[in-house]
PDB file of N, CA and C in Angstrom:
ATOM      1  N   UNK A   1     -18.316 -43.821  66.492  1.00  0.00           N
ATOM      2  CA  UNK A   1     -17.725 -42.564  66.367  1.00  0.00           C
ATOM      3  C   UNK A   1     -18.688 -41.101  65.790  1.00  0.00           C
ATOM      4  N   UNK A   2     -19.325 -41.687  65.030  1.00  0.00           N
ATOM      5  CA  UNK A   2     -20.604 -41.045  64.402  1.00  0.00           C
ATOM      6  C   UNK A   2     -21.260 -39.868  65.063  1.00  0.00           C
ATOM      7  N   UNK A   3     -21.844 -40.313  66.325  1.00  0.00           N
ATOM      8  CA  UNK A   3     -22.751 -39.509  67.079  1.00  0.00           C
ATOM      9  C   UNK A   3     -21.997 -38.678  68.072  1.00  0.00           C
ATOM     10  N   UNK A   4     -20.795 -38.864  68.124  1.00  0.00           N
ATOM     11  CA  UNK A   4     -19.928 -37.981  69.187  1.00  0.00           C
ATOM     12  C   UNK A   4     -19.805 -36.582  68.838  1.00  0.00           C
ATOM     13  N   UNK A   5     -19.982 -35.848  69.658  1.00  0.00           N
ATOM     14  CA  UNK A   5     -19.768 -34.262  69.204  1.00  0.00           C
ATOM     15  C   UNK A   5     -18.495 -33.866  69.353  1.00  0.00           C
ATOM     16  N   UNK A   6     -17.503 -34.308  70.337  1.00  0.00           N
ATOM     17  CA  UNK A   6     -16.345 -34.184  70.456  1.00  0.00           C
ATOM     18  C   UNK A   6     -15.248 -35.338  70.432  1.00  0.00           C
ATOM     19  N   UNK A   7     -14.472 -35.077  69.595  1.00  0.00           N
ATOM     20  CA  UNK A   7     -13.591 -36.083  69.034  1.00  0.00           C
ATOM     21  C   UNK A   7     -12.104 -36.010  70.005  1.00  0.00           C
ATOM     22  N   UNK A   8     -11.504 -36.995  70.155  1.00  0.00           N
ATOM     23  CA  UNK A   8     -10.088 -37.002  70.766  1.00  0.00           C
ATOM     24  C   UNK A   8      -9.116 -36.771  69.572  1.00  0.00           C
ATOM     25  N   UNK A   9      -7.672 -36.683  69.650  1.00  0.00           N
ATOM     26  CA  UNK A   9      -6.780 -36.510  68.959  1.00  0.00           C
ATOM     27  C   UNK A   9      -6.859 -37.838  67.896  1.00  0.00           C
ATOM     28  N   UNK A  10      -6.876 -38.936  68.743  1.00  0.00           N
ATOM     29  CA  UNK A  10      -6.875 -40.252  67.843  1.00  0.00           C
ATOM     30  C   UNK A  10      -7.776 -40.590  67.133  1.00  0.00           C
ATOM     31  N   UNK A  11      -9.140 -40.123  67.484  1.00  0.00           N
ATOM     32  CA  UNK A  11     -10.344 -40.247  66.790  1.00  0.00           C
ATOM     33  C   UNK A  11     -10.451 -39.304  65.440  1.00  0.00           C
ATOM     34  N   UNK A  12      -9.668 -38.229  65.920  1.00  0.00           N
ATOM     35  CA  UNK A  12      -9.686 -37.423  64.706  1.00  0.00           C
ATOM     36  C   UNK A  12      -8.794 -37.928  63.421  1.00  0.00           C
ATOM     37  N   UNK A  13      -7.791 -38.459  64.109  1.00  0.00           N
ATOM     38  CA  UNK A  13      -6.565 -39.017  63.150  1.00  0.00           C
ATOM     39  C   UNK A  13      -7.549 -39.919  62.139  1.00  0.00           C
ATOM     40  N   UNK A  14      -8.440 -40.848  63.101  1.00  0.00           N
ATOM     41  CA  UNK A  14      -8.665 -42.243  62.393  1.00  0.00           C
ATOM     42  C   UNK A  14      -9.812 -41.534  61.105  1.00  0.00           C
ATOM     43  N   UNK A  15     -10.494 -40.733  62.085  1.00  0.00           N
ATOM     44  CA  UNK A  15     -11.771 -39.823  60.883  1.00  0.00           C
ATOM     45  C   UNK A  15     -11.289 -39.465  59.785  1.00  0.00           C
ATOM     46  N   UNK A  16      -9.944 -38.770  59.481  1.00  0.00           N
ATOM     47  CA  UNK A  16      -9.510 -37.934  58.565  1.00  0.00           C
ATOM     48  C   UNK A  16      -8.336 -39.248  57.908  1.00  0.00           C
ATOM     49  N   UNK A  17      -8.359 -40.354  58.361  1.00  0.00           N
ATOM     50  CA  UNK A  17      -7.465 -41.085  57.560  1.00  0.00           C
ATOM     51  C   UNK A  17      -5.844 -40.805  57.659  1.00  0.00           C
ATOM     52  N   UNK A  18      -5.589 -40.301  58.628  1.00  0.00           N
ATOM     53  CA  UNK A  18      -4.156 -39.678  58.663  1.00  0.00           C
ATOM     54  C   UNK A  18      -3.482 -40.244  59.777  1.00  0.00           C
ATOM     55  N   UNK A  19      -1.907 -40.073  60.155  1.00  0.00           N
ATOM     56  CA  UNK A  19      -1.235 -40.538  61.298  1.00  0.00           C
ATOM     57  C   UNK A  19      -1.389 -39.659  62.432  1.00  0.00           C
ATOM     58  N   UNK A  20      -0.905 -40.133  63.434  1.00  0.00           N
ATOM     59  CA  UNK A  20      -0.879 -39.225  64.841  1.00  0.00           C
ATOM     60  C   UNK A  20      -0.177 -38.376  64.561  1.00  0.00           C
ATOM     61  N   UNK A  21       1.118 -38.391  63.952  1.00  0.00           N
ATOM     62  CA  UNK A  21       2.155 -37.141  64.005  1.00  0.00           C
ATOM     63  C   UNK A  21       1.390 -36.069  63.392  1.00  0.00           C
ATOM     64  N   UNK A  22       0.903 -36.475  62.141  1.00  0.00           N
ATOM     65  CA  UNK A  22       0.243 -35.330  61.218  1.00  0.00           C
ATOM     66  C   UNK A  22      -0.790 -34.814  61.654  1.00  0.00           C
ATOM     67  N   UNK A  23      -1.720 -35.482  62.647  1.00  0.00           N
ATOM     68  CA  UNK A  23      -2.659 -35.021  63.279  1.00  0.00           C
ATOM     69  C   UNK A  23      -2.445 -33.929  64.383  1.00  0.00           C
ATOM     70  N   UNK A  24      -1.317 -34.390  65.272  1.00  0.00           N
ATOM     71  CA  UNK A  24      -0.718 -33.238  66.167  1.00  0.00           C
ATOM     72  C   UNK A  24      -0.363 -32.064  65.396  1.00  0.00           C
ATOM     73  N   UNK A  25       0.641 -32.454  64.444  1.00  0.00           N
ATOM     74  CA  UNK A  25       0.843 -30.947  63.593  1.00  0.00           C
ATOM     75  C   UNK A  25      -0.102 -30.110  63.203  1.00  0.00           C
ATOM     76  N   UNK A  26      -1.292 -30.695  62.641  1.00  0.00           N
ATOM     77  CA  UNK A  26      -2.344 -29.822  62.366  1.00  0.00           C
ATOM     78  C   UNK A  26      -3.094 -29.277  63.339  1.00  0.00           C
ATOM     79  N   UNK A  27      -3.026 -29.957  64.686  1.00  0.00           N
ATOM     80  CA  UNK A  27      -3.549 -29.414  66.007  1.00  0.00           C
ATOM     81  C   UNK A  27      -3.036 -28.276  66.230  1.00  0.00           C
ATOM     82  N   UNK A  28      -1.448 -28.357  66.314  1.00  0.00           N
ATOM     83  CA  UNK A  28      -0.567 -27.746  67.225  1.00  0.00           C
ATOM     84  C   UNK A  28      -0.594 -26.360  66.429  1.00  0.00           C
ATOM     85  N   UNK A  29      -0.578 -26.431  65.170  1.00  0.00           N
ATOM     86  CA  UNK A  29      -0.509 -25.164  64.399  1.00  0.00           C
ATOM     87  C   UNK A  29      -1.925 -24.347  63.982  1.00  0.00           C
ATOM     88  N   UNK A  30      -2.920 -25.053  64.604  1.00  0.00           N
ATOM     89  CA  UNK A  30      -4.077 -24.304  64.581  1.00  0.00           C
ATOM     90  C   UNK A  30      -4.662 -24.339  63.210  1.00  0.00           C
ATOM     91  N   UNK A  31      -4.197 -25.395  62.470  1.00  0.00           N
ATOM     92  CA  UNK A  31      -5.247 -25.630  61.017  1.00  0.00           C
ATOM     93  C   UNK A  31      -6.466 -26.383  61.418  1.00  0.00           C
ATOM     94  N   UNK A  32      -6.480 -27.521  62.060  1.00  0.00           N
ATOM     95  CA  UNK A  32      -7.657 -28.086  62.747  1.00  0.00           C
ATOM     96  C   UNK A  32      -8.150 -27.435  63.772  1.00  0.00           C
ATOM     97  N   UNK A  33      -9.549 -26.923  63.764  1.00  0.00           N
ATOM     98  CA  UNK A  33     -10.103 -26.134  64.983  1.00  0.00           C
ATOM     99  C   UNK A  33     -10.218 -26.953  66.177  1.00  0.00           C
ATOM    100  N   UNK A  34      -9.560 -26.579  67.183  1.00  0.00           N
ATOM    101  CA  UNK A  34      -9.501 -27.218  68.337  1.00  0.00           C
ATOM    102  C   UNK A  34      -9.774 -26.471  69.789  1.00  0.00           C
ATOM    103  N   UNK A  35     -10.024 -27.161  70.948  1.00  0.00           N
ATOM    104  CA  UNK A  35      -9.912 -26.365  72.050  1.00  0.00           C
ATOM    105  C   UNK A  35      -8.752 -27.568  72.807  1.00  0.00           C
ATOM    106  N   UNK A  36      -8.161 -26.962  73.680  1.00  0.00           N
ATOM    107  CA  UNK A  36      -6.999 -27.547  74.795  1.00  0.00           C
ATOM    108  C   UNK A  36      -7.578 -27.408  76.154  1.00  0.00           C
ATOM    109  N   UNK A  37      -7.653 -28.477  76.725  1.00  0.00           N
ATOM    110  CA  UNK A  37      -7.661 -28.706  78.216  1.00  0.00           C
ATOM    111  C   UNK A  37      -6.373 -29.578  78.670  1.00  0.00           C
ATOM    112  N   UNK A  38      -5.579 -28.487  79.324  1.00  0.00           N
ATOM    113  CA  UNK A  38      -4.278 -29.014  79.754  1.00  0.00           C
ATOM    114  C   UNK A  38      -3.595 -29.625  78.470  1.00  0.00           C
ATOM    115  N   UNK A  39      -3.139 -30.825  78.627  1.00  0.00           N
ATOM    116  CA  UNK A  39      -2.533 -31.288  77.268  1.00  0.00           C
ATOM    117  C   UNK A  39      -3.538 -31.974  76.506  1.00  0.00           C
ATOM    118  N   UNK A  40      -4.596 -32.186  76.597  1.00  0.00           N
ATOM    119  CA  UNK A  40      -5.645 -32.762  75.906  1.00  0.00           C
ATOM    120  C   UNK A  40      -6.172 -31.961  74.963  1.00  0.00           C
ATOM    121  N   UNK A  41      -6.234 -32.513  73.801  1.00  0.00           N
ATOM    122  CA  UNK A  41      -6.886 -31.837  72.354  1.00  0.00           C
ATOM    123  C   UNK A  41      -8.447 -32.434  72.615  1.00  0.00           C
ATOM    124  N   UNK A  42      -9.274 -31.046  72.100  1.00  0.00           N
ATOM    125  CA  UNK A  42     -10.729 -31.634  72.175  1.00  0.00           C
ATOM    126  C   UNK A  42     -10.944 -30.976  70.946  1.00  0.00           C
ATOM    127  N   UNK A  43     -11.634 -31.767  70.010  1.00  0.00           N
ATOM    128  CA  UNK A  43     -11.888 -31.263  68.501  1.00  0.00           C
ATOM    129  C   UNK A  43     -13.412 -31.318  68.235  1.00  0.00           C
ATOM    130  N   UNK A  44     -14.120 -30.425  68.182  1.00  0.00           N
ATOM    131  CA  UNK A  44     -15.656 -29.888  67.916  1.00  0.00           C
ATOM    132  C   UNK A  44     -15.728 -31.138  66.521  1.00  0.00           C
ATOM    133  N   UNK A  45     -16.873 -32.020  66.557  1.00  0.00           N
ATOM    134  CA  UNK A  45     -16.794 -32.362  65.203  1.00  0.00           C
ATOM    135  C   UNK A  45     -17.642 -31.607  64.337  1.00  0.00           C
ATOM    136  N   UNK A  46     -18.579 -30.844  64.596  1.00  0.00           N
ATOM    137  CA  UNK A  46     -19.071 -29.990  63.734  1.00  0.00           C
ATOM    138  C   UNK A  46     -17.964 -29.052  63.282  1.00  0.00           C
ATOM    139  N   UNK A  47     -16.989 -28.316  63.932  1.00  0.00           N
ATOM    140  CA  UNK A  47     -15.883 -27.644  63.489  1.00  0.00           C
ATOM    141  C   UNK A  47     -15.002 -28.252  62.711  1.00  0.00           C
ATOM    142  N   UNK A  48     -14.715 -29.668  62.784  1.00  0.00           N
ATOM    143  CA  UNK A  48     -13.878 -30.513  61.984  1.00  0.00           C
ATOM    144  C   UNK A  48     -14.647 -30.696  60.641  1.00  0.00           C
ATOM    145  N   UNK A  49     -15.775 -30.791  60.616  1.00  0.00           N
ATOM    146  CA  UNK A  49     -16.685 -31.008  59.547  1.00  0.00           C
ATOM    147  C   UNK A  49     -16.481 -29.689  58.358  1.00  0.00           C
ATOM    148  N   UNK A  50     -16.865 -28.779  59.246  1.00  0.00           N
ATOM    149  CA  UNK A  50     -16.911 -27.635  58.300  1.00  0.00           C
ATOM    150  C   UNK A  50     -15.414 -26.876  58.097  1.00  0.00           C
ATOM    151  N   UNK A  51     -14.336 -27.359  58.637  1.00  0.00           N
ATOM    152  CA  UNK A  51     -13.211 -27.197  58.434  1.00  0.00           C
ATOM    153  C   UNK A  51     -12.794 -28.234  57.117  1.00  0.00           C
ATOM    154  N   UNK A  52     -13.079 -29.283  56.941  1.00  0.00           N
ATOM    155  CA  UNK A  52     -13.147 -29.905  55.747  1.00  0.00           C
ATOM    156  C   UNK A  52     -13.916 -29.656  54.642  1.00  0.00           C
ATOM    157  N   UNK A  53     -14.942 -29.049  55.067  1.00  0.00           N
ATOM    158  CA  UNK A  53     -16.013 -28.309  53.815  1.00  0.00           C
ATOM    159  C   UNK A  53     -15.040 -27.504  53.385  1.00  0.00           C
ATOM    160  N   UNK A  54     -14.813 -26.559  54.266  1.00  0.00           N
ATOM    161  CA  UNK A  54     -13.980 -25.105  53.584  1.00  0.00           C
ATOM    162  C   UNK A  54     -12.998 -25.729  52.860  1.00  0.00           C
ATOM    163  N   UNK A  55     -12.112 -26.640  53.038  1.00  0.00           N
ATOM    164  CA  UNK A  55     -10.738 -27.001  52.374  1.00  0.00           C
ATOM    165  C   UNK A  55     -10.721 -27.578  51.165  1.00  0.00           C
ATOM    166  N   UNK A  56     -12.149 -28.540  51.271  1.00  0.00           N
ATOM    167  CA  UNK A  56     -12.607 -28.903  49.913  1.00  0.00           C
ATOM    168  C   UNK A  56     -12.890 -27.623  49.115  1.00  0.00           C
ATOM    169  N   UNK A  57     -13.586 -26.738  49.501  1.00  0.00           N
ATOM    170  CA  UNK A  57     -14.265 -25.798  48.411  1.00  0.00           C
ATOM    171  C   UNK A  57     -13.054 -24.704  48.385  1.00  0.00           C
ATOM    172  N   UNK A  58     -12.131 -24.836  49.030  1.00  0.00           N
ATOM    173  CA  UNK A  58     -11.069 -23.743  48.594  1.00  0.00           C
ATOM    174  C   UNK A  58      -9.942 -24.426  47.549  1.00  0.00           C
ATOM    175  N   UNK A  59     -10.269 -25.915  47.565  1.00  0.00           N
ATOM    176  CA  UNK A  59      -9.385 -26.755  46.445  1.00  0.00           C
ATOM    177  C   UNK A  59     -10.051 -26.706  45.171  1.00  0.00           C
ATOM    178  N   UNK A  60     -11.552 -26.644  45.462  1.00  0.00           N
ATOM    179  CA  UNK A  60     -12.034 -26.770  43.968  1.00  0.00           C
ATOM    180  C   UNK A  60     -11.917 -25.240  43.322  1.00  0.00           C
ATOM    181  N   UNK A  61     -12.171 -24.472  44.065  1.00  0.00           N
ATOM    182  CA  UNK A  61     -11.746 -23.023  43.718  1.00  0.00           C
ATOM    183  C   UNK A  61     -10.617 -22.611  42.715  1.00  0.00           C
ATOM    184  N   UNK A  62      -9.502 -23.085  43.447  1.00  0.00           N
ATOM    185  CA  UNK A  62      -8.234 -22.919  43.114  1.00  0.00           C
ATOM    186  C   UNK A  62      -8.216 -24.009  41.921  1.00  0.00           C
ATOM    187  N   UNK A  63      -8.613 -24.884  41.703  1.00  0.00           N
ATOM    188  CA  UNK A  63      -8.469 -25.982  40.349  1.00  0.00           C
ATOM    189  C   UNK A  63      -9.269 -25.334  39.500  1.00  0.00           C
ATOM    190  N   UNK A  64     -10.335 -24.564  39.654  1.00  0.00           N
ATOM    191  CA  UNK A  64     -11.089 -23.917  38.713  1.00  0.00           C
ATOM    192  C   UNK A  64     -10.310 -22.659  37.983  1.00  0.00           C
ATOM    193  N   UNK A  65      -9.471 -21.955  38.779  1.00  0.00           N
ATOM    194  CA  UNK A  65      -8.965 -20.959  38.367  1.00  0.00           C
ATOM    195  C   UNK A  65      -7.809 -21.372  37.715  1.00  0.00           C
ATOM    196  N   UNK A  66      -7.036 -22.284  38.219  1.00  0.00           N
ATOM    197  CA  UNK A  66      -6.012 -22.703  37.371  1.00  0.00           C
ATOM    198  C   UNK A  66      -6.133 -23.276  35.848  1.00  0.00           C
ATOM    199  N   UNK A  67      -7.511 -23.953  35.839  1.00  0.00           N
ATOM    200  CA  UNK A  67      -8.018 -24.240  34.333  1.00  0.00           C
ATOM    201  C   UNK A  67      -8.845 -23.713  33.569  1.00  0.00           C
ATOM    202  N   UNK A  68      -8.840 -22.318  33.827  1.00  0.00           N
ATOM    203  CA  UNK A  68      -9.772 -21.546  32.990  1.00  0.00           C
ATOM    204  C   UNK A  68      -8.721 -20.805  31.896  1.00  0.00           C
TER     205      UNK A  68
END
């Protein structure tokens, strides 16, 4: 899976270590970057990695502000 550029919803759930219900919730709400073709979600791996990095960075910034 590491070399795939586009992930399915199931692959995304496995990659993130979360359940399918939570994955579909994040996809439907637009929190995870995605493209849809019909009923199928296509998740660009690079966009997912950027989303994870941004989420981590935002958490670190919030943690630093809280502990100043």
